Amino acid sequence: MTVDTVVLVPATEHGVPSGNYDGSSQDFIADPVKAANYYRGRGGLQTVIFRVTSFTGGVTIQATLDNDPVTARWFDVFEFGDSSTISDGSTTDVFPTNIVGNFSWLRAKVHNFTTGTIDLVTASY
């Protein structure tokens, strides 16, 4: 069995434009990536790893069962941090979690991003 790892959020430092982040907003949505069930038969287990340094904010993992990510109906499947629990910029963490579901696409929605760095958010299946 092969394991695929996809990047949900690349290295993103607060205040520095990168990818879908303009460097000044607190909220952005990363590009969608193919999830485990996109390939039919790969199963429904995705392991998501969050790596952050001096982070204040939250990252919501969203999923869809639709085939087209542009017109898809997205729903929340996991929340890492938020402004009420990670609010002082002191969170440095590597946090893995398993997300179960036969999703075709995943994406990350970053919110209340006010300090620190998102080193990387990945999904493996």
N, C-alpha and C. Protein backbone atom coordinates (compact mmCIF):
# COMPACT_ATOMS: atom_id res chain seq x y z
N MET A 1 0.84 -1.18 0.00
CA MET A 1 0.00 0.00 0.00
C MET A 1 0.88 1.24 0.00
N THR A 2 0.58 2.18 -0.85
CA THR A 2 1.32 3.43 -0.89
C THR A 2 0.62 4.45 0.00
N VAL A 3 1.41 5.39 0.48
CA VAL A 3 0.87 6.48 1.29
C VAL A 3 1.12 7.77 0.54
N ASP A 4 0.06 8.52 0.31
CA ASP A 4 0.18 9.82 -0.32
C ASP A 4 0.08 10.90 0.75
N THR A 5 0.92 11.91 0.65
CA THR A 5 0.85 13.06 1.55
C THR A 5 0.66 14.30 0.69
N VAL A 6 -0.36 15.07 1.04
CA VAL A 6 -0.67 16.30 0.32
C VAL A 6 -0.57 17.48 1.28
N VAL A 7 -0.22 18.63 0.77
CA VAL A 7 -0.07 19.84 1.58
C VAL A 7 -1.38 20.62 1.55
N LEU A 8 -1.96 20.81 2.73
CA LEU A 8 -3.18 21.62 2.84
C LEU A 8 -2.85 23.09 3.01
N VAL A 9 -1.84 23.40 3.83
CA VAL A 9 -1.36 24.77 4.01
C VAL A 9 0.17 24.72 4.00
N PRO A 10 0.80 25.40 3.03
CA PRO A 10 2.26 25.45 3.03
C PRO A 10 2.75 26.40 4.13
N ALA A 11 4.05 26.48 4.32
CA ALA A 11 4.63 27.39 5.32
C ALA A 11 4.08 28.80 5.09
N THR A 12 3.46 29.35 6.13
CA THR A 12 2.82 30.66 6.03
C THR A 12 3.12 31.44 7.30
N GLU A 13 3.82 32.55 7.15
CA GLU A 13 4.16 33.41 8.28
C GLU A 13 3.20 34.60 8.31
N HIS A 14 2.72 34.92 9.51
CA HIS A 14 1.80 36.05 9.63
C HIS A 14 2.46 37.32 9.10
N GLY A 15 1.75 38.05 8.25
CA GLY A 15 2.23 39.31 7.71
C GLY A 15 3.03 39.18 6.42
N VAL A 16 3.30 37.95 5.98
CA VAL A 16 4.09 37.73 4.77
C VAL A 16 3.21 37.01 3.74
N PRO A 17 2.91 37.65 2.59
CA PRO A 17 2.06 37.01 1.58
C PRO A 17 2.64 35.67 1.13
N SER A 18 1.75 34.67 1.03
CA SER A 18 2.15 33.34 0.61
C SER A 18 0.92 32.57 0.15
N GLY A 19 0.95 32.00 -1.03
CA GLY A 19 -0.19 31.23 -1.52
C GLY A 19 -1.45 32.06 -1.55
N ASN A 20 -2.51 31.59 -0.89
CA ASN A 20 -3.78 32.30 -0.84
C ASN A 20 -3.85 33.34 0.27
N TYR A 21 -2.79 33.48 1.03
CA TYR A 21 -2.73 34.45 2.13
C TYR A 21 -2.10 35.74 1.62
N ASP A 22 -2.82 36.86 1.78
CA ASP A 22 -2.33 38.15 1.25
C ASP A 22 -1.40 38.89 2.20
N GLY A 23 -1.17 38.35 3.38
CA GLY A 23 -0.26 38.98 4.33
C GLY A 23 -0.90 39.97 5.27
N SER A 24 -2.15 40.37 5.00
CA SER A 24 -2.78 41.36 5.87
C SER A 24 -4.10 40.89 6.48
N SER A 25 -4.75 39.92 5.88
CA SER A 25 -6.03 39.46 6.42
C SER A 25 -5.81 38.43 7.52
N GLN A 26 -6.84 38.21 8.30
CA GLN A 26 -6.78 37.20 9.36
C GLN A 26 -7.36 35.87 8.89
N ASP A 27 -8.06 35.88 7.77
CA ASP A 27 -8.76 34.69 7.28
C ASP A 27 -8.41 34.42 5.82
N PHE A 28 -8.21 33.14 5.50
CA PHE A 28 -8.04 32.74 4.11
C PHE A 28 -8.35 31.26 3.96
N ILE A 29 -8.63 30.85 2.74
CA ILE A 29 -8.92 29.46 2.44
C ILE A 29 -7.85 28.95 1.48
N ALA A 30 -7.21 27.85 1.87
CA ALA A 30 -6.18 27.26 1.03
C ALA A 30 -6.83 26.49 -0.13
N ASP A 31 -6.02 26.15 -1.12
CA ASP A 31 -6.51 25.40 -2.27
C ASP A 31 -6.97 24.00 -1.86
N PRO A 32 -8.02 23.48 -2.49
CA PRO A 32 -8.46 22.13 -2.19
C PRO A 32 -7.47 21.09 -2.74
N VAL A 33 -7.40 19.94 -2.04
CA VAL A 33 -6.56 18.83 -2.47
C VAL A 33 -7.40 17.56 -2.49
N LYS A 34 -7.01 16.61 -3.30
CA LYS A 34 -7.73 15.35 -3.39
C LYS A 34 -7.61 14.58 -2.09
N ALA A 35 -8.73 14.07 -1.61
CA ALA A 35 -8.76 13.29 -0.38
C ALA A 35 -8.70 11.80 -0.71
N ALA A 36 -8.70 10.98 0.33
CA ALA A 36 -8.52 9.54 0.17
C ALA A 36 -9.53 8.90 -0.77
N ASN A 37 -10.79 9.25 -0.66
CA ASN A 37 -11.81 8.58 -1.47
C ASN A 37 -11.91 9.15 -2.89
N TYR A 38 -11.14 10.17 -3.22
CA TYR A 38 -11.14 10.67 -4.59
C TYR A 38 -10.78 9.55 -5.56
N TYR A 39 -9.91 8.67 -5.11
CA TYR A 39 -9.42 7.58 -5.96
C TYR A 39 -10.28 6.33 -5.85
N ARG A 40 -11.38 6.38 -5.13
CA ARG A 40 -12.30 5.25 -4.95
C ARG A 40 -11.55 4.02 -4.46
N GLY A 41 -11.88 3.58 -3.30
CA GLY A 41 -11.28 2.38 -2.77
C GLY A 41 -10.05 2.60 -1.92
N ARG A 42 -9.59 3.86 -1.76
CA ARG A 42 -8.43 4.13 -0.91
C ARG A 42 -8.84 4.21 0.56
N GLY A 43 -10.12 4.11 0.81
CA GLY A 43 -10.58 4.14 2.20
C GLY A 43 -11.03 5.52 2.63
N GLY A 44 -11.33 5.63 3.92
CA GLY A 44 -11.85 6.88 4.43
C GLY A 44 -11.04 7.46 5.57
N LEU A 45 -9.78 7.03 5.71
CA LEU A 45 -8.95 7.53 6.80
C LEU A 45 -7.90 8.51 6.27
N GLN A 46 -7.94 9.72 6.79
CA GLN A 46 -6.95 10.73 6.48
C GLN A 46 -6.28 11.15 7.78
N THR A 47 -4.96 11.17 7.81
CA THR A 47 -4.23 11.66 8.98
C THR A 47 -3.75 13.07 8.66
N VAL A 48 -4.21 14.02 9.45
CA VAL A 48 -3.85 15.43 9.25
C VAL A 48 -2.86 15.82 10.34
N ILE A 49 -1.77 16.47 9.93
CA ILE A 49 -0.77 16.94 10.89
C ILE A 49 -0.65 18.45 10.79
N PHE A 50 -0.80 19.11 11.94
CA PHE A 50 -0.65 20.55 12.05
C PHE A 50 0.70 20.83 12.70
N ARG A 51 1.50 21.71 12.09
CA ARG A 51 2.76 22.16 12.70
C ARG A 51 2.73 23.68 12.73
N VAL A 52 2.79 24.24 13.95
CA VAL A 52 2.71 25.70 14.11
C VAL A 52 3.78 26.17 15.09
N THR A 53 4.18 27.43 14.93
CA THR A 53 5.17 28.05 15.82
C THR A 53 4.65 29.42 16.24
N SER A 54 4.60 29.67 17.54
CA SER A 54 4.14 30.96 18.10
C SER A 54 2.84 31.39 17.44
N PHE A 55 1.91 30.49 17.34
CA PHE A 55 0.69 30.65 16.54
C PHE A 55 -0.47 31.19 17.36
N THR A 56 -1.19 32.13 16.78
CA THR A 56 -2.48 32.58 17.30
C THR A 56 -3.47 32.48 16.16
N GLY A 57 -4.54 31.72 16.37
CA GLY A 57 -5.56 31.58 15.34
C GLY A 57 -6.18 30.21 15.36
N GLY A 58 -6.78 29.84 14.25
CA GLY A 58 -7.41 28.54 14.12
C GLY A 58 -7.33 28.05 12.69
N VAL A 59 -7.36 26.73 12.55
CA VAL A 59 -7.37 26.11 11.23
C VAL A 59 -8.50 25.08 11.23
N THR A 60 -9.45 25.26 10.35
CA THR A 60 -10.56 24.33 10.21
C THR A 60 -10.32 23.48 8.97
N ILE A 61 -10.39 22.17 9.12
CA ILE A 61 -10.32 21.29 7.96
C ILE A 61 -11.74 21.10 7.46
N GLN A 62 -11.92 21.35 6.17
CA GLN A 62 -13.22 21.19 5.54
C GLN A 62 -13.14 20.08 4.50
N ALA A 63 -14.27 19.43 4.24
CA ALA A 63 -14.32 18.33 3.28
C ALA A 63 -15.56 18.46 2.42
N THR A 64 -15.54 17.73 1.32
CA THR A 64 -16.71 17.64 0.46
C THR A 64 -16.80 16.24 -0.12
N LEU A 65 -18.01 15.86 -0.47
CA LEU A 65 -18.26 14.60 -1.15
C LEU A 65 -18.43 14.83 -2.64
N ASP A 66 -18.48 16.08 -3.05
CA ASP A 66 -18.70 16.45 -4.45
C ASP A 66 -17.45 16.21 -5.29
N ASN A 67 -17.64 16.06 -6.58
CA ASN A 67 -16.53 15.82 -7.50
C ASN A 67 -15.80 17.09 -7.92
N ASP A 68 -16.52 18.21 -7.99
CA ASP A 68 -15.93 19.47 -8.45
C ASP A 68 -15.71 20.40 -7.25
N PRO A 69 -14.45 20.67 -6.89
CA PRO A 69 -14.19 21.49 -5.71
C PRO A 69 -14.64 22.95 -5.86
N VAL A 70 -14.80 23.41 -7.08
CA VAL A 70 -15.20 24.80 -7.30
C VAL A 70 -16.65 25.03 -6.91
N THR A 71 -17.51 24.09 -7.25
CA THR A 71 -18.94 24.24 -6.95
C THR A 71 -19.37 23.40 -5.75
N ALA A 72 -18.42 22.82 -5.05
CA ALA A 72 -18.71 21.89 -3.96
C ALA A 72 -19.38 22.55 -2.77
N ARG A 73 -20.11 21.74 -2.02
CA ARG A 73 -20.67 22.13 -0.73
C ARG A 73 -19.70 21.63 0.32
N TRP A 74 -19.04 22.56 0.99
CA TRP A 74 -18.00 22.23 1.97
C TRP A 74 -18.60 22.18 3.36
N PHE A 75 -18.07 21.30 4.22
CA PHE A 75 -18.49 21.22 5.61
C PHE A 75 -17.26 20.99 6.49
N ASP A 76 -17.36 21.43 7.74
CA ASP A 76 -16.25 21.33 8.68
C ASP A 76 -16.14 19.91 9.23
N VAL A 77 -14.89 19.38 9.29
CA VAL A 77 -14.68 18.05 9.85
C VAL A 77 -13.71 18.04 11.03
N PHE A 78 -12.91 19.11 11.19
CA PHE A 78 -12.01 19.17 12.34
C PHE A 78 -11.57 20.62 12.55
N GLU A 79 -11.41 20.98 13.83
CA GLU A 79 -10.97 22.33 14.20
C GLU A 79 -9.69 22.24 15.03
N PHE A 80 -8.64 22.93 14.59
CA PHE A 80 -7.41 23.04 15.37
C PHE A 80 -7.31 24.46 15.88
N GLY A 81 -7.41 24.61 17.21
CA GLY A 81 -7.29 25.93 17.82
C GLY A 81 -8.40 26.87 17.40
N ASP A 82 -8.47 27.98 18.07
CA ASP A 82 -9.32 29.10 17.70
C ASP A 82 -8.90 30.28 18.56
N SER A 83 -9.52 31.40 18.34
CA SER A 83 -9.07 32.60 19.05
C SER A 83 -9.34 32.54 20.55
N SER A 84 -10.21 31.64 21.01
CA SER A 84 -10.47 31.57 22.44
C SER A 84 -9.50 30.63 23.16
N THR A 85 -8.97 29.62 22.44
CA THR A 85 -8.07 28.68 23.10
C THR A 85 -6.61 28.88 22.71
N ILE A 86 -6.37 29.44 21.56
CA ILE A 86 -5.00 29.72 21.13
C ILE A 86 -4.96 31.21 20.81
N SER A 87 -4.76 32.03 21.84
CA SER A 87 -4.89 33.46 21.62
C SER A 87 -3.69 34.28 22.04
N ASP A 88 -2.67 33.64 22.62
CA ASP A 88 -1.57 34.45 23.13
C ASP A 88 -0.29 34.33 22.31
N GLY A 89 -0.33 33.64 21.20
CA GLY A 89 0.86 33.52 20.36
C GLY A 89 1.92 32.61 20.93
N SER A 90 1.56 31.82 21.91
CA SER A 90 2.57 30.97 22.55
C SER A 90 2.48 29.52 22.10
N THR A 91 1.57 29.21 21.21
CA THR A 91 1.40 27.82 20.81
C THR A 91 2.41 27.41 19.76
N THR A 92 3.26 26.48 20.15
CA THR A 92 4.18 25.82 19.23
C THR A 92 3.88 24.35 19.37
N ASP A 93 3.46 23.71 18.28
CA ASP A 93 2.93 22.37 18.42
C ASP A 93 3.06 21.59 17.12
N VAL A 94 3.14 20.28 17.27
CA VAL A 94 2.94 19.33 16.18
C VAL A 94 1.79 18.47 16.64
N PHE A 95 0.67 18.55 15.94
CA PHE A 95 -0.55 17.89 16.39
C PHE A 95 -1.11 17.02 15.27
N PRO A 96 -1.04 15.69 15.42
CA PRO A 96 -1.66 14.80 14.44
C PRO A 96 -3.07 14.43 14.86
N THR A 97 -3.94 14.21 13.89
CA THR A 97 -5.29 13.72 14.17
C THR A 97 -5.77 12.90 12.99
N ASN A 98 -6.61 11.94 13.26
CA ASN A 98 -7.22 11.14 12.19
C ASN A 98 -8.61 11.67 11.91
N ILE A 99 -8.93 11.79 10.63
CA ILE A 99 -10.25 12.21 10.19
C ILE A 99 -10.80 11.09 9.33
N VAL A 100 -11.96 10.59 9.70
CA VAL A 100 -12.56 9.46 8.99
C VAL A 100 -13.75 9.95 8.18
N GLY A 101 -13.77 9.59 6.92
CA GLY A 101 -14.87 9.94 6.03
C GLY A 101 -14.49 9.70 4.60
N ASN A 102 -15.43 9.30 3.79
CA ASN A 102 -15.16 9.03 2.37
C ASN A 102 -15.25 10.31 1.55
N PHE A 103 -14.36 11.23 1.85
CA PHE A 103 -14.36 12.54 1.21
C PHE A 103 -13.61 12.50 -0.12
N SER A 104 -14.04 13.34 -1.05
CA SER A 104 -13.32 13.43 -2.33
C SER A 104 -12.31 14.57 -2.32
N TRP A 105 -12.57 15.62 -1.57
CA TRP A 105 -11.65 16.76 -1.49
C TRP A 105 -11.56 17.24 -0.04
N LEU A 106 -10.39 17.79 0.31
CA LEU A 106 -10.16 18.45 1.60
C LEU A 106 -9.59 19.84 1.34
N ARG A 107 -9.80 20.74 2.28
CA ARG A 107 -9.15 22.05 2.24
C ARG A 107 -9.04 22.57 3.66
N ALA A 108 -8.19 23.55 3.83
CA ALA A 108 -8.01 24.18 5.14
C ALA A 108 -8.52 25.62 5.07
N LYS A 109 -9.21 26.01 6.12
CA LYS A 109 -9.72 27.38 6.26
C LYS A 109 -9.06 27.97 7.50
N VAL A 110 -8.23 28.98 7.31
CA VAL A 110 -7.50 29.61 8.41
C VAL A 110 -8.30 30.84 8.85
N HIS A 111 -8.44 30.99 10.17
CA HIS A 111 -9.22 32.13 10.68
C HIS A 111 -8.55 32.69 11.93
N ASN A 112 -8.80 33.95 12.17
CA ASN A 112 -8.24 34.68 13.33
C ASN A 112 -6.72 34.55 13.43
N PHE A 113 -6.06 34.51 12.28
CA PHE A 113 -4.61 34.35 12.21
C PHE A 113 -3.97 35.71 12.48
N THR A 114 -3.46 35.90 13.72
CA THR A 114 -2.95 37.21 14.10
C THR A 114 -1.46 37.24 14.43
N THR A 115 -0.85 36.08 14.71
CA THR A 115 0.59 36.05 14.96
C THR A 115 1.13 34.66 14.65
N GLY A 116 2.45 34.60 14.48
CA GLY A 116 3.13 33.32 14.37
C GLY A 116 3.24 32.78 12.97
N THR A 117 3.49 31.48 12.92
CA THR A 117 3.73 30.80 11.66
C THR A 117 2.98 29.48 11.64
N ILE A 118 2.34 29.23 10.52
CA ILE A 118 1.83 27.89 10.23
C ILE A 118 2.96 27.23 9.44
N ASP A 119 3.69 26.33 10.10
CA ASP A 119 4.83 25.70 9.44
C ASP A 119 4.37 24.79 8.31
N LEU A 120 3.29 24.04 8.54
CA LEU A 120 2.79 23.12 7.53
C LEU A 120 1.54 22.43 8.06
N VAL A 121 0.57 22.22 7.17
CA VAL A 121 -0.56 21.36 7.48
C VAL A 121 -0.64 20.36 6.33
N THR A 122 -0.54 19.06 6.67
CA THR A 122 -0.55 18.02 5.65
C THR A 122 -1.64 17.00 5.95
N ALA A 123 -2.01 16.27 4.91
CA ALA A 123 -2.93 15.13 5.05
C ALA A 123 -2.28 13.95 4.37
N SER A 124 -2.31 12.80 5.05
CA SER A 124 -1.77 11.57 4.49
C SER A 124 -2.87 10.52 4.45
N TYR A 125 -2.85 9.70 3.41
CA TYR A 125 -3.82 8.61 3.29
C TYR A 125 -3.22 7.49 2.47
